[in-house]
Protein backbone atom coordinates (compact mmCIF):
# COMPACT_ATOMS: atom_id res chain seq x y z
CA MET A 1 -4.41 -15.60 -31.07
CA VAL A 2 -3.48 -14.29 -27.64
CA ALA A 3 -0.97 -16.38 -25.65
CA HIS A 4 -0.77 -16.23 -21.86
CA ALA A 5 2.18 -16.65 -19.49
CA TYR A 6 2.39 -15.90 -15.79
CA THR A 7 4.93 -14.27 -13.51
CA VAL A 8 4.90 -12.22 -10.29
CA ALA A 9 5.37 -8.64 -9.12
CA PHE A 10 6.75 -8.13 -5.63
CA GLU A 11 5.00 -6.12 -2.94
CA GLY A 12 7.11 -6.46 0.17
CA VAL A 13 7.66 -10.15 0.86
CA SER A 14 4.49 -11.11 -1.00
CA ALA A 15 4.34 -11.87 -4.70
CA ARG A 16 1.29 -10.85 -6.74
CA SER A 17 0.44 -12.80 -9.86
CA VAL A 18 0.90 -11.01 -13.18
CA GLU A 19 -0.54 -12.30 -16.45
CA VAL A 20 1.66 -11.71 -19.50
CA GLN A 21 -0.49 -11.55 -22.64
CA CYS A 22 1.04 -11.62 -26.11
CA ALA A 23 -0.83 -10.80 -29.32
CA VAL A 24 0.74 -11.07 -32.79
CA THR A 25 -1.49 -9.14 -35.20
CA PRO A 26 -1.23 -7.82 -38.78
CA GLY A 27 0.13 -4.31 -39.12
CA LEU A 28 3.35 -2.37 -39.22
CA PRO A 29 6.18 -4.34 -37.59
CA ALA A 30 6.51 -3.27 -33.97
CA PHE A 31 7.26 -4.69 -30.53
CA SER A 32 5.57 -2.85 -27.68
CA ILE A 33 5.14 -3.59 -23.97
CA VAL A 34 2.22 -2.02 -22.08
CA GLY A 35 0.88 -2.39 -18.55
CA LEU A 36 2.83 0.14 -16.46
CA PRO A 37 6.36 -1.24 -17.04
CA ASP A 38 9.43 0.47 -15.65
CA LYS A 39 12.60 1.08 -17.66
CA ALA A 40 14.04 -2.40 -17.03
CA VAL A 41 10.81 -4.06 -18.23
CA SER A 42 10.57 -1.81 -21.29
CA GLU A 43 14.11 -2.80 -22.27
CA ALA A 44 13.09 -6.46 -22.18
CA ARG A 45 11.98 -6.32 -25.81
CA ASP A 46 15.57 -5.77 -26.96
CA ARG A 47 16.92 -8.58 -24.78
CA VAL A 48 14.16 -10.95 -25.91
CA ARG A 49 14.70 -10.09 -29.59
CA ALA A 50 18.47 -10.68 -29.29
CA ALA A 51 17.99 -13.97 -27.37
CA LEU A 52 15.55 -15.30 -29.97
CA SER A 53 17.90 -14.24 -32.76
CA ALA A 54 20.71 -16.20 -31.05
CA MET A 55 18.43 -19.26 -31.27
CA SER A 56 17.82 -18.57 -34.99
CA ILE A 57 14.18 -17.68 -34.33
CA ALA A 58 13.07 -14.80 -36.54
CA LEU A 59 10.21 -12.58 -35.42
CA PRO A 60 7.41 -12.17 -37.99
CA SER A 61 6.86 -8.87 -39.76
CA LYS A 62 3.80 -8.15 -37.68
CA ARG A 63 2.77 -6.07 -34.70
CA ILE A 64 3.71 -7.73 -31.39
CA THR A 65 1.96 -6.41 -28.30
CA ILE A 66 2.80 -7.54 -24.77
CA ASN A 67 0.31 -6.61 -22.04
CA LEU A 68 1.18 -7.02 -18.35
CA SER A 69 -2.07 -7.47 -16.43
CA PRO A 70 -3.29 -6.00 -14.12
CA ALA A 71 -2.30 -2.86 -15.96
CA ASP A 72 -2.49 -0.58 -12.89
CA LEU A 73 0.12 -2.57 -10.91
CA PRO A 74 3.68 -1.18 -11.27
CA LYS A 75 6.03 -3.72 -12.91
CA GLU A 76 9.65 -3.42 -11.82
CA GLY A 77 12.72 -5.55 -12.45
CA SER A 78 14.38 -7.58 -15.14
CA HIS A 79 12.71 -10.87 -14.13
CA PHE A 80 9.91 -10.17 -16.66
CA ASP A 81 12.26 -11.13 -19.55
CA LEU A 82 11.56 -14.86 -19.39
CA PRO A 83 7.73 -14.72 -19.15
CA ILE A 84 7.65 -12.20 -22.02
CA ALA A 85 9.78 -14.54 -24.13
CA LEU A 86 7.60 -17.54 -23.23
CA SER A 87 4.36 -15.76 -24.13
CA LEU A 88 5.87 -14.73 -27.46
CA LEU A 89 7.08 -18.27 -28.16
CA ALA A 90 3.62 -19.59 -27.32
CA ALA A 91 1.98 -17.04 -29.64
CA LEU A 92 4.31 -18.22 -32.44
CA ASP A 93 3.36 -21.88 -31.73
CA ILE A 94 6.94 -22.80 -30.89
CA VAL A 95 6.07 -24.04 -27.40
CA PRO A 96 2.69 -25.45 -26.28
CA ALA A 97 0.48 -22.66 -24.93
CA ASP A 98 -1.30 -24.89 -22.39
CA GLU A 99 2.01 -25.86 -20.76
CA ILE A 100 3.07 -22.24 -20.48
CA GLU A 101 -0.22 -21.31 -18.81
CA GLN A 102 0.47 -23.83 -16.02
CA THR A 103 3.81 -22.25 -15.19
CA ILE A 104 4.95 -19.17 -13.31
CA SER A 105 8.28 -17.99 -14.68
CA LEU A 106 10.86 -15.36 -13.86
CA GLY A 107 14.37 -14.69 -15.06
CA GLU A 108 16.56 -12.21 -16.88
CA LEU A 109 17.79 -12.97 -20.40
CA SER A 110 21.26 -12.20 -21.63
CA LEU A 111 21.73 -11.44 -25.31
CA ASP A 112 22.88 -14.99 -26.08
CA GLY A 113 19.83 -16.55 -24.40
CA THR A 114 21.49 -17.45 -21.09
CA LEU A 115 19.23 -17.07 -18.05
CA VAL A 116 20.64 -14.72 -15.43
CA PRO A 117 19.61 -15.24 -11.77
CA VAL A 118 17.23 -12.70 -10.24
CA VAL A 119 16.12 -11.85 -6.71
CA GLY A 120 12.84 -13.09 -5.26
CA ALA A 121 12.84 -16.73 -6.39
CA LEU A 122 11.69 -17.93 -2.97
CA PRO A 123 8.59 -15.66 -2.74
CA ALA A 124 7.81 -16.54 -6.38
CA ALA A 125 7.88 -20.25 -5.50
CA MET A 126 5.47 -19.56 -2.64
CA ALA A 127 3.11 -17.84 -5.09
CA ALA A 128 3.41 -20.77 -7.52
CA ALA A 129 2.51 -23.23 -4.78
CA ARG A 130 -0.46 -21.08 -3.78
CA GLU A 131 -1.80 -21.11 -7.36
CA ASP A 132 -0.99 -24.80 -7.94
CA ARG A 133 1.46 -24.03 -10.73
CA SER A 134 5.08 -24.99 -11.36
CA LEU A 135 7.92 -22.45 -11.28
CA LEU A 136 10.42 -21.88 -14.08
CA CYS A 137 13.52 -19.91 -13.09
CA PRO A 138 17.25 -19.61 -13.90
CA ALA A 139 19.46 -22.49 -12.82
CA ALA A 140 21.28 -20.35 -10.26
CA SER A 141 17.97 -19.58 -8.51
CA GLY A 142 16.63 -23.13 -8.52
CA ALA A 143 18.19 -24.34 -5.26
CA GLU A 144 16.68 -21.37 -3.44
CA ALA A 145 13.18 -21.78 -4.91
CA ALA A 146 13.14 -25.56 -4.37
CA TRP A 147 12.84 -25.04 -0.60
CA VAL A 148 9.12 -24.61 -1.23
CA GLY A 149 8.34 -28.28 -1.60
CA ALA A 150 4.70 -27.70 -2.60
CA ALA A 151 5.71 -26.38 -6.04
CA GLU A 152 7.72 -28.11 -8.77
CA VAL A 153 10.72 -25.97 -9.67
CA ILE A 154 12.32 -26.20 -13.11
CA ALA A 155 15.69 -24.47 -13.25
CA ALA A 156 17.06 -23.88 -16.76
CA LYS A 157 20.40 -22.50 -17.89
CA THR A 158 19.34 -21.07 -21.24
CA LEU A 159 16.21 -20.17 -23.16
CA GLY A 160 17.05 -23.00 -25.54
CA ASP A 161 16.85 -25.48 -22.65
CA VAL A 162 13.42 -24.09 -21.82
CA VAL A 163 12.17 -24.62 -25.38
CA ARG A 164 13.53 -28.18 -25.48
CA HIS A 165 11.91 -28.90 -22.11
CA PHE A 166 8.44 -27.75 -23.15
CA THR A 167 8.63 -29.41 -26.58
CA GLY A 168 9.62 -32.73 -25.02
CA GLN A 169 13.05 -32.93 -26.65
CA SER A 170 15.01 -32.82 -23.37
CA ALA A 171 13.15 -32.61 -20.08
CA ILE A 172 14.78 -30.75 -17.19
CA ALA A 173 14.80 -32.55 -13.86
CA PRO A 174 13.19 -30.67 -10.94
CA ALA A 175 15.61 -28.61 -8.86
CA GLU A 176 16.79 -29.74 -5.44
CA PRO A 177 16.89 -27.48 -2.37
CA GLY A 178 20.20 -25.92 -1.40
CA THR A 179 22.10 -27.01 1.65
CA VAL A 180 21.24 -25.76 5.12
CA GLN A 181 23.93 -23.36 6.21
CA SER A 182 24.95 -23.22 9.85
CA ALA A 183 27.75 -20.75 10.35
CA ARG A 184 30.17 -21.67 13.10
CA SER A 185 31.41 -18.87 15.32
CA ASP A 186 34.55 -18.89 17.40
CA LYS A 187 33.27 -16.02 19.56
CA ASP A 188 32.52 -17.21 23.08
CA ILE A 189 31.05 -15.24 25.97
CA ARG A 190 33.96 -16.46 28.11
CA ASP A 191 36.27 -14.25 26.06
CA VAL A 192 34.82 -11.22 27.87
CA LYS A 193 36.79 -10.58 31.07
CA GLY A 194 34.56 -9.58 33.96
CA GLN A 195 31.28 -7.79 33.11
CA GLU A 196 29.19 -10.45 34.86
CA ARG A 197 26.18 -8.16 35.15
CA ALA A 198 26.26 -7.35 31.43
CA LYS A 199 26.56 -11.07 30.62
CA ARG A 200 23.52 -11.79 32.76
CA ALA A 201 21.59 -9.05 30.97
CA LEU A 202 22.50 -10.56 27.58
CA GLU A 203 21.28 -13.96 28.74
CA ILE A 204 17.92 -12.48 29.78
CA ALA A 205 17.66 -10.51 26.54
CA ALA A 206 18.40 -13.60 24.45
CA ALA A 207 15.89 -15.73 26.36
CA GLY A 208 12.94 -13.34 25.96
CA ARG A 209 13.94 -11.26 22.89
CA HIS A 210 14.20 -8.14 24.99
CA HIS A 211 15.77 -4.91 23.73
CA ILE A 212 18.91 -3.91 25.60
CA LEU A 213 20.99 -0.75 25.94
CA LEU A 214 24.68 -1.00 26.91
CA VAL A 215 26.29 2.21 28.18
CA GLY A 216 29.96 2.41 29.10
CA THR A 217 33.32 4.02 28.48
CA PRO A 218 35.27 3.29 25.28
CA GLY A 219 36.99 -0.07 25.43
CA SER A 220 34.79 -1.47 28.18
CA GLY A 221 33.64 -4.34 25.95
CA LYS A 222 30.21 -3.24 24.68
CA SER A 223 30.83 -4.26 21.06
CA MET A 224 32.56 -7.44 22.20
CA LEU A 225 29.53 -8.42 24.26
CA ALA A 226 27.11 -7.71 21.43
CA ALA A 227 29.19 -9.71 18.94
CA ARG A 228 28.85 -12.77 21.19
CA LEU A 229 25.10 -12.51 21.52
CA PRO A 230 24.43 -14.74 18.45
CA SER A 231 26.28 -17.58 20.20
CA LEU A 232 23.61 -17.51 22.92
CA LEU A 233 20.59 -17.62 20.60
CA PRO A 234 18.89 -20.84 19.50
CA PRO A 235 18.83 -21.64 15.76
CA LEU A 236 15.90 -20.50 13.65
CA SER A 237 12.89 -22.77 13.49
CA ALA A 238 11.77 -23.97 10.05
CA MET A 239 9.07 -21.29 9.86
CA GLU A 240 11.40 -18.54 11.06
CA ALA A 241 14.09 -19.60 8.58
CA LEU A 242 11.59 -19.39 5.71
CA GLU A 243 10.35 -15.96 6.82
CA THR A 244 13.87 -14.59 7.12
CA SER A 245 15.04 -16.17 3.86
CA MET A 246 12.17 -14.61 1.91
CA ILE A 247 13.38 -11.16 2.94
CA HIS A 248 16.99 -12.06 2.16
CA SER A 249 15.87 -13.47 -1.20
CA LEU A 250 14.37 -10.11 -2.16
CA SER A 251 17.70 -8.49 -1.22
CA GLY A 252 19.84 -11.04 -3.07
CA LEU A 253 21.58 -12.23 0.11
CA LEU A 254 21.01 -15.99 -0.20
CA ASP A 255 24.27 -17.76 -1.04
CA GLU A 256 23.86 -20.50 -3.66
CA GLY A 257 20.30 -21.21 -2.59
CA GLY A 258 21.26 -22.20 0.93
CA ILE A 259 18.86 -21.31 3.72
CA SER A 260 20.57 -20.52 6.99
CA ARG A 261 19.32 -21.57 10.41
CA THR A 262 21.64 -19.03 12.08
CA ARG A 263 19.85 -15.95 13.34
CA PRO A 264 20.72 -12.75 11.44
CA PHE A 265 23.10 -10.29 13.06
CA ARG A 266 23.06 -6.88 11.39
CA GLU A 267 25.30 -4.02 12.49
CA PRO A 268 24.79 -0.88 10.37
CA HIS A 269 27.18 2.05 10.67
CA HIS A 270 25.92 5.17 12.42
CA THR A 271 26.16 7.12 9.14
CA ALA A 272 23.51 4.90 7.50
CA SER A 273 20.52 6.71 6.01
CA MET A 274 16.89 6.21 6.94
CA ALA A 275 16.25 4.20 3.77
CA ALA A 276 19.14 1.89 4.69
CA ILE A 277 17.88 1.33 8.24
CA ILE A 278 14.10 1.35 7.81
CA GLY A 279 13.83 0.47 4.13
CA GLY A 280 12.75 2.38 1.08
CA GLY A 281 14.53 3.88 -1.89
CA ARG A 282 13.17 3.94 -5.41
CA THR A 283 11.88 0.37 -5.26
CA ALA A 284 10.98 0.26 -1.52
CA LYS A 285 13.57 -2.38 -0.65
CA PRO A 286 13.80 -3.85 2.88
CA GLY A 287 16.13 -2.10 5.31
CA GLU A 288 18.33 -3.31 8.14
CA VAL A 289 15.40 -3.68 10.55
CA SER A 290 13.79 -6.19 8.17
CA LEU A 291 17.06 -7.94 7.31
CA ALA A 292 17.44 -8.51 11.07
CA HIS A 293 13.99 -10.15 11.28
CA ASN A 294 14.09 -13.00 13.84
CA GLY A 295 17.62 -11.94 14.74
CA VAL A 296 19.68 -9.11 16.21
CA LEU A 297 20.05 -5.49 15.13
CA PHE A 298 23.19 -4.07 16.76
CA MET A 299 23.49 -0.29 16.62
CA ASP A 300 26.85 0.84 17.96
CA GLU A 301 27.36 4.50 18.87
CA PHE A 302 23.59 4.74 19.21
CA PRO A 303 23.32 8.50 19.96
CA GLU A 304 25.41 9.25 16.84
CA PHE A 305 22.66 7.99 14.51
CA PRO A 306 20.56 10.80 12.98
CA ARG A 307 17.67 11.79 15.23
CA GLN A 308 15.17 11.11 12.46
CA VAL A 309 16.46 7.54 12.05
CA LEU A 310 16.26 6.86 15.78
CA GLU A 311 12.70 8.12 16.05
CA THR A 312 11.51 5.95 13.17
CA LEU A 313 12.62 2.88 15.15
CA ARG A 314 9.85 3.38 17.68
CA GLN A 315 7.00 1.97 15.61
CA PRO A 316 8.90 -1.10 14.25
CA ILE A 317 10.07 -1.97 17.77
CA GLU A 318 6.51 -1.88 19.05
CA THR A 319 4.63 -3.60 16.20
CA GLY A 320 7.21 -5.94 14.65
CA GLU A 321 6.55 -4.66 11.13
CA VAL A 322 7.35 -1.59 9.09
CA MET A 323 5.21 0.12 6.46
CA ILE A 324 7.05 1.90 3.66
CA ALA A 325 4.64 4.37 2.05
CA ARG A 326 5.27 5.66 -1.44
CA ALA A 327 3.09 7.59 -3.88
CA ASN A 328 2.41 4.47 -5.95
CA ALA A 329 2.70 1.73 -3.35
CA HIS A 330 2.46 0.84 0.34
CA VAL A 331 4.85 -1.99 1.15
CA LYS A 332 4.90 -3.83 4.48
CA TYR A 333 7.88 -5.84 5.74
CA PRO A 334 8.16 -7.88 8.96
CA CYS A 335 10.86 -6.74 11.41
CA ARG A 336 10.58 -8.68 14.65
CA PHE A 337 14.17 -8.12 15.78
CA MET A 338 16.05 -7.73 19.05
CA LEU A 339 17.64 -4.30 19.32
CA VAL A 340 21.04 -4.11 21.00
CA ALA A 341 22.25 -0.52 21.33
CA ALA A 342 25.65 0.58 22.61
CA ALA A 343 26.56 4.11 23.65
CA ASN A 344 29.22 6.09 25.44
CA PRO A 345 27.95 8.03 28.48
CA CYS A 346 29.04 11.35 26.95
CA ARG A 347 30.87 12.74 23.94
CA CYS A 348 34.35 12.18 25.42
CA GLY A 349 33.22 8.81 26.75
CA TYR A 350 34.64 9.08 30.27
CA ALA A 351 31.87 10.84 32.14
CA PHE A 352 31.65 8.17 34.85
CA ASP A 353 35.29 7.06 34.91
CA PRO A 354 36.77 8.29 38.23
CA ALA A 355 40.29 8.09 36.76
CA ARG A 356 39.41 10.48 33.94
CA ALA A 357 37.10 13.13 35.30
CA CYS A 358 35.07 14.94 32.68
CA SER A 359 35.24 18.73 33.15
CA LYS A 360 31.82 19.21 31.58
CA MET A 361 29.91 16.85 33.87
CA PRO A 362 26.98 16.51 34.26
CA LEU A 363 25.83 18.67 31.34
CA CYS A 364 27.94 16.74 28.83
CA ALA A 365 26.31 13.41 29.72
CA GLN A 366 22.81 14.88 29.83
CA ASP A 367 23.24 16.53 26.45
CA TYR A 368 24.74 13.44 24.81
CA MET A 369 22.27 10.86 26.16
CA GLY A 370 19.49 13.38 25.53
CA ARG A 371 19.85 12.57 21.85
CA ILE A 372 17.90 9.42 22.68
CA SER A 373 14.34 10.61 23.23
CA GLY A 374 12.32 9.54 26.24
CA PRO A 375 9.79 7.48 24.25
CA LEU A 376 12.62 5.58 22.53
CA MET A 377 14.50 5.04 25.79
CA ASP A 378 11.28 3.73 27.31
CA ARG A 379 11.30 0.88 24.78
CA PHE A 380 14.50 -0.67 26.14
CA ASP A 381 13.67 -3.50 28.52
CA LEU A 382 17.21 -3.73 29.92
CA ARG A 383 19.64 -0.89 30.54
CA VAL A 384 23.10 -1.90 31.63
CA GLU A 385 26.14 0.11 32.68
CA VAL A 386 29.32 -1.53 31.40
CA PRO A 387 32.17 -0.39 33.70
CA PRO A 388 35.73 0.00 32.38
CA VAL A 389 38.07 -2.99 32.55
CA HIS A 390 41.59 -2.41 33.86
CA PHE A 391 44.31 -3.52 31.46
CA THR A 392 45.85 -5.75 34.12
CA ASP A 393 42.67 -7.84 34.12
CA LEU A 394 43.15 -8.69 30.46
CA ASP A 395 45.96 -11.12 31.31
CA LEU A 396 43.75 -13.13 33.66
CA PRO A 397 42.60 -16.57 32.42
CA ALA A 398 39.12 -16.86 30.97
CA ASN A 399 36.49 -17.51 33.61
CA GLY A 400 32.74 -17.79 33.82
CA GLU A 401 30.39 -19.91 31.79
CA SER A 402 30.85 -20.67 28.11
CA SER A 403 28.40 -19.67 25.42
CA GLU A 404 27.34 -23.31 25.08
CA THR A 405 26.28 -23.47 28.74
CA VAL A 406 24.37 -20.19 28.63
CA ALA A 407 22.80 -21.08 25.27
CA GLY A 408 21.44 -24.27 26.86
CA ARG A 409 19.52 -22.27 29.45
CA VAL A 410 18.33 -19.83 26.79
CA ALA A 411 17.08 -22.69 24.59
CA ALA A 412 15.21 -24.22 27.55
CA ALA A 413 13.54 -20.87 28.30
CA ARG A 414 12.62 -20.41 24.63
CA ALA A 415 11.11 -23.92 24.58
CA VAL A 416 8.89 -22.96 27.53
CA GLN A 417 7.72 -19.87 25.62
CA ASP A 418 7.07 -21.90 22.47
CA ARG A 419 4.66 -24.09 24.43
CA ARG A 420 3.16 -21.08 26.21
CA PHE A 421 2.33 -19.22 22.99
CA ALA A 422 1.53 -22.22 20.81
CA ASP A 423 -2.05 -20.99 20.34
CA HIS A 424 -1.00 -17.44 19.41
CA ASP A 425 0.15 -16.94 15.83
CA TRP A 426 1.93 -13.64 16.39
CA MET A 427 3.33 -14.28 19.90
CA ARG A 428 6.54 -16.28 20.14
CA THR A 429 8.50 -14.86 23.07
CA ASN A 430 7.75 -13.03 26.30
CA ALA A 431 8.59 -9.72 24.63
CA ASP A 432 5.58 -10.21 22.31
CA ALA A 433 3.04 -10.77 25.10
CA GLU A 434 0.37 -8.13 25.61
CA GLY A 435 -3.22 -7.74 26.72
CA GLU A 436 -4.86 -10.71 28.37
CA ALA A 437 -1.97 -12.99 27.43
CA LEU A 438 0.46 -10.79 29.37
CA LYS A 439 -1.89 -10.68 32.34
CA ASP A 440 -2.24 -14.46 32.38
CA ILE A 441 1.50 -15.18 32.37
CA THR A 442 2.60 -12.47 34.85
CA MET A 443 0.44 -13.08 37.90
CA LEU A 444 2.34 -11.74 40.94
CA CYS A 445 2.11 -12.58 44.60
CA SER A 446 1.28 -9.79 47.04
CA GLU A 447 4.95 -9.15 47.91
CA GLY A 448 6.00 -9.01 44.25
CA LYS A 449 3.05 -6.77 43.41
CA LYS A 450 3.97 -4.37 46.21
CA MET A 451 7.61 -4.27 45.13
CA LEU A 452 6.70 -3.47 41.53
CA THR A 453 4.14 -0.85 42.55
CA ASN A 454 6.63 0.91 44.83
CA GLY A 455 9.25 0.93 42.08
CA ALA A 456 6.78 2.28 39.52
CA GLU A 457 5.67 5.09 41.84
CA ARG A 458 9.13 6.05 43.04
CA PHE A 459 10.74 6.20 39.60
CA GLY A 460 7.69 7.37 37.64
CA LEU A 461 7.45 4.41 35.28
CA SER A 462 5.13 4.70 32.32
CA ALA A 463 2.54 2.05 31.54
CA ARG A 464 4.88 0.72 28.84
CA GLY A 465 7.75 0.54 31.31
CA TYR A 466 5.55 -1.23 33.86
CA HIS A 467 4.59 -3.92 31.34
CA ARG A 468 8.17 -4.34 30.13
CA ILE A 469 9.31 -5.06 33.69
CA LEU A 470 6.62 -7.74 33.93
CA ARG A 471 7.86 -9.33 30.70
CA VAL A 472 11.48 -9.33 31.88
CA ALA A 473 10.45 -10.83 35.23
CA ARG A 474 8.63 -13.60 33.38
CA THR A 475 11.79 -14.32 31.37
CA VAL A 476 13.93 -14.43 34.52
CA ALA A 477 11.51 -16.96 35.99
CA ASP A 478 11.65 -19.03 32.78
CA LEU A 479 15.46 -19.13 32.94
CA GLU A 480 15.21 -20.56 36.45
CA GLY A 481 12.49 -23.00 35.43
CA ALA A 482 10.00 -21.43 37.82
CA GLN A 483 6.28 -21.69 37.23
CA ASP A 484 5.42 -18.48 39.11
CA ILE A 485 7.15 -15.11 39.22
CA ALA A 486 8.86 -14.67 42.60
CA PRO A 487 9.73 -11.31 44.24
CA SER A 488 13.40 -11.97 43.44
CA HIS A 489 12.53 -12.13 39.73
CA VAL A 490 10.73 -8.80 39.96
CA ALA A 491 13.65 -7.28 41.84
CA GLU A 492 16.13 -8.34 39.16
CA ALA A 493 13.90 -7.01 36.38
CA LEU A 494 13.57 -3.70 38.22
CA SER A 495 17.33 -3.45 38.74
CA PHE A 496 17.98 -3.66 35.01
CA ARG A 497 15.22 -1.19 34.23
CA LEU A 498 16.23 1.46 36.76
CA SER A 499 20.00 1.24 36.75
CA GLY A 500 22.39 2.83 34.33
CA PRO A 501 24.37 5.98 33.80
CA GLU A 502 21.44 7.91 32.44
CA GLY A 503 20.57 8.55 36.07
CA ILE A 504 17.18 6.90 36.50
């Protein structure tokens, strides 16, 4: 008799179904696992044997063969322990085989039979719903998986509880979704003294998901401004929260099964490797660009990042997804993030500070900012110079608008874009618009067209730069509630594109 159980293997954020076949046949006693398992899967036989022994279940003196089908798909991770144990229990007629075949299971077994939580419960629940099966997982992963309401999720603490559930001795109640987490932040945009132009640029960037570069002397408030950007962003929609949580589930970042509606804010150090930023490693895990999906990726000291890392950002910025190619797999992760980069104007940081003249100007600034290639620089919609703040200004009372006020305008502009792109699956904000959709939403009057054409000719804008100015102008108009793009909107978009200490 061959018993069948089902689990999943992860390819990016998708989960592929894997059939676990168990055959108990006459022959020399042995326990083998075939089907391209990695080391963690091969070691499952020892964990399964110890867990069954803890339940006083003795394995027969026969040959036990576990096949993971399809055999050419790499199997990685310890979550294969539970489906292997279930297929073996079904082959020994301890649990009903037909019930096991209607269940997708995943979980790691400890030696005493306790189920240890594993990553990827949320994508596994999506796969179970797609195949009209229930999901069996460890108790600690149940709240996370239960967010997929289309699949019944059974969360067990031990292998013994699983056996009693399937034999009808003690049924396990379906798991309930975890709580929605909404992190409160005390950081307010009013805390930043002065820097009104930079604040305006952050508002535009938040409204249209535009990439922004902040350049200024040390201590001018670049990091402080970026840290307050999340307070301007609207919460994640239900679909966005699910997309982001699936990536965080694969990385083990979901806390007690709670799905957060707060947009991610990732700030990797400039010594981070390419695998950490883009993704990769032995198991092709998601990197910071994917963990920032639907949120913000803040890269401080931008020119200090390795040149190779910076150049690999170009394709994810443009397409909103990253492909990690390996010899045995090609894994694709979504990465529709907003890039906020901060940089000093030169190595010493005071190239444009009249109080601290740099003796190596202008070569120092050109050499330092030259670490950011032209094609990468061209992908920033907004470039802002952040001037130094005098220490006497720090004692002034807070002024300007609060984050709550600015966030209200940003939310209104985002609502306009939601209606505008309702018929486009992959367009959500003005930064995503391209082709005919971009042409339809950025119709200019003759004066605005002439202003943009003159700016493009005078400063040698590329086609990409030309389109990015149109997108920013559309966002400025949305913030003002305007139906059409006025010349003033084009002028403001041009000012952010052409200003800055890089000298363009």
